[in-house]
Protein backbone atom coordinates (compact mmCIF):
# COMPACT_ATOMS: atom_id res chain seq x y z
CA MET A 1 -0.01 0.03 0.21
CA PRO A 2 1.62 3.06 -1.17
CA THR A 3 0.32 5.34 1.93
CA ARG A 4 2.42 3.33 4.24
CA THR A 5 5.15 5.77 2.87
CA LEU A 6 3.39 8.38 4.90
CA LEU A 7 4.07 6.82 7.80
CA LEU A 8 7.56 8.27 7.26
CA ALA A 9 6.20 11.83 8.20
CA PRO A 10 6.72 11.41 12.16
CA VAL A 11 10.11 10.29 11.60
CA ALA A 12 11.26 13.17 9.43
CA VAL A 13 9.67 15.25 11.94
CA ALA A 14 11.59 13.81 14.56
CA VAL A 15 14.61 13.97 12.44
CA VAL A 16 14.23 17.36 11.98
CA ALA A 17 13.33 18.31 15.42
CA ALA A 18 16.26 16.64 17.00
CA GLY A 19 18.62 18.04 14.30
CA GLY A 20 17.38 21.61 14.68
CA ALA A 21 17.18 21.19 18.49
CA ALA A 22 20.86 20.16 18.34
CA LEU A 23 21.91 23.11 16.12
CA CYS A 24 20.08 25.78 18.41
CA GLY A 25 21.83 24.32 21.47
CA ALA A 26 25.20 24.34 19.30
CA LEU A 27 24.59 27.92 18.71
CA GLY A 28 23.20 29.14 21.82
CA TRP A 29 19.92 30.01 20.93
CA PRO A 30 16.62 28.78 22.62
CA PRO A 31 14.77 25.81 20.77
CA HIS A 32 11.17 27.35 21.65
CA VAL A 33 10.27 23.85 22.48
CA ARG A 34 6.63 24.87 22.26
CA ALA A 35 6.88 26.48 18.97
CA MET A 36 8.51 23.36 17.59
CA ALA A 37 5.61 20.85 19.03
CA ASN A 38 3.14 23.27 17.41
CA ALA A 39 4.75 23.40 13.99
CA ALA A 40 5.22 19.67 14.02
CA ALA A 41 1.77 19.12 14.82
CA THR A 42 0.67 21.26 11.97
CA CYS A 43 2.75 19.26 9.72
CA LEU A 44 1.86 15.89 10.75
CA ALA A 45 -1.80 17.02 10.70
CA ALA A 46 -1.01 18.31 6.98
CA SER A 47 0.43 14.81 5.92
CA ALA A 48 -2.16 13.09 7.50
CA LEU A 49 -5.03 15.08 5.54
CA ALA A 50 -3.11 14.79 2.72
CA ALA A 51 -3.50 11.02 2.91
CA VAL A 52 -7.18 11.16 1.85
CA PRO A 53 -7.19 11.51 -1.86
CA LEU A 54 -4.38 8.45 -1.93
CA VAL A 55 -6.70 6.85 -0.33
CA LEU A 56 -10.00 7.61 -1.89
CA THR A 57 -8.36 6.66 -5.49
CA ARG A 58 -7.00 3.34 -4.77
CA GLY A 59 -7.61 0.94 -7.25
CA ALA A 60 -8.50 3.93 -9.64
CA SER A 61 -6.08 4.18 -12.68
CA GLN A 62 -2.67 5.89 -12.94
CA TYR A 63 -4.82 9.28 -14.33
CA ALA A 64 -7.10 9.60 -11.33
CA VAL A 65 -4.27 8.53 -8.87
CA ALA A 66 -1.64 11.23 -10.57
CA GLN A 67 -4.43 13.86 -10.05
CA ALA A 68 -5.20 12.84 -6.11
CA GLY A 69 -1.33 13.14 -5.64
CA LEU A 70 -1.59 16.77 -6.89
CA VAL A 71 -4.43 17.72 -4.72
CA ALA A 72 -2.81 15.69 -2.19
CA THR A 73 0.44 18.00 -2.31
CA MET A 74 -2.23 20.87 -2.33
CA ILE A 75 -3.89 19.93 0.54
CA HIS A 76 -0.66 19.66 2.85
CA LEU A 77 0.31 23.12 1.38
CA PHE A 78 -3.21 24.78 2.36
CA VAL A 79 -3.44 23.36 5.82
CA ALA A 80 0.31 24.02 6.88
CA ALA A 81 -0.28 27.62 5.27
CA GLY A 82 -3.93 27.82 6.63
CA VAL A 83 -2.79 26.91 10.16
CA GLY A 84 0.46 29.30 9.91
CA VAL A 85 -1.89 32.25 8.93
CA ALA A 86 -4.31 31.53 11.71
CA PHE A 87 -1.78 31.62 14.33
CA ALA A 88 -0.46 34.87 12.86
CA LEU A 89 -3.94 36.39 12.62
CA ALA A 90 -4.74 34.84 16.42
CA LYS A 91 -1.05 36.63 17.53
CA ARG A 92 -0.24 33.30 18.84
CA MET A 93 2.50 32.89 16.31
CA ASP A 94 6.17 34.29 16.79
CA ALA A 95 9.19 33.92 14.71
CA ALA A 96 10.13 30.59 16.17
CA TYR A 97 7.03 28.96 15.07
CA ALA A 98 7.19 30.20 11.13
CA TYR A 99 10.91 28.89 11.02
CA TRP A 100 10.08 25.75 12.79
CA LEU A 101 7.18 25.10 10.15
CA LEU A 102 9.19 25.61 7.38
CA ALA A 103 11.59 23.28 8.78
CA PHE A 104 9.02 20.70 8.98
CA TYR A 105 6.95 21.52 5.75
CA PHE A 106 9.57 19.99 3.23
CA PRO A 107 10.40 16.67 4.71
CA THR A 108 6.98 16.21 5.27
CA LEU A 109 5.98 17.24 1.66
CA ALA A 110 8.71 14.67 0.42
CA THR A 111 6.86 12.02 2.20
CA VAL A 112 3.58 12.87 0.70
CA VAL A 113 5.15 13.13 -2.37
CA ALA A 114 7.05 9.79 -2.29
CA ALA A 115 3.64 8.25 -1.57
CA ALA A 116 1.77 9.87 -4.39
CA VAL A 117 4.58 8.69 -6.45
CA ARG A 118 4.22 5.03 -4.90
CA ALA A 119 0.47 5.08 -5.53
CA VAL A 120 0.72 6.14 -9.30
CA LYS A 121 3.28 3.48 -9.88
CA ALA A 122 1.14 0.75 -8.12
CA ALA A 123 -2.12 2.07 -9.98
CA PRO A 124 -3.03 0.19 -12.96
CA PRO A 125 -2.80 2.18 -16.21
CA ALA A 126 -5.71 3.34 -17.75
CA THR A 127 -7.35 1.09 -20.67
CA PRO A 128 -7.95 3.16 -24.22
CA LEU A 129 -11.62 4.01 -24.93
CA THR A 130 -13.01 1.64 -27.71
CA LYS A 131 -15.36 3.39 -30.45
CA GLN A 132 -18.55 2.21 -30.90
């Protein structure tokens, strides 16, 4: 099942969080753990919601699954950006949240894209229409 690739999103978030916290510690910056946790939750939720179109098109042709992959990446973008904007408008976001959101966005997007590519490769090719 190609959506199993999306199970790598928490691993990617954990690796980025550990690397970012280590880098902040080495540079003497505060890691802003609360902002990191909020950004991680945002990107994980975006990845989970991005899996919906891929799950709904199981068994469909490659054309349909390719379109679902495009929709999945769009959902990932809009959820991550939408929550970021909502936090900014609610005055609950500081610069640390925005930086952590960017740091988590790209690795989780990579897992969504990898899942979409696997789903397209696993889907059966479309059959040509016959003239009647």
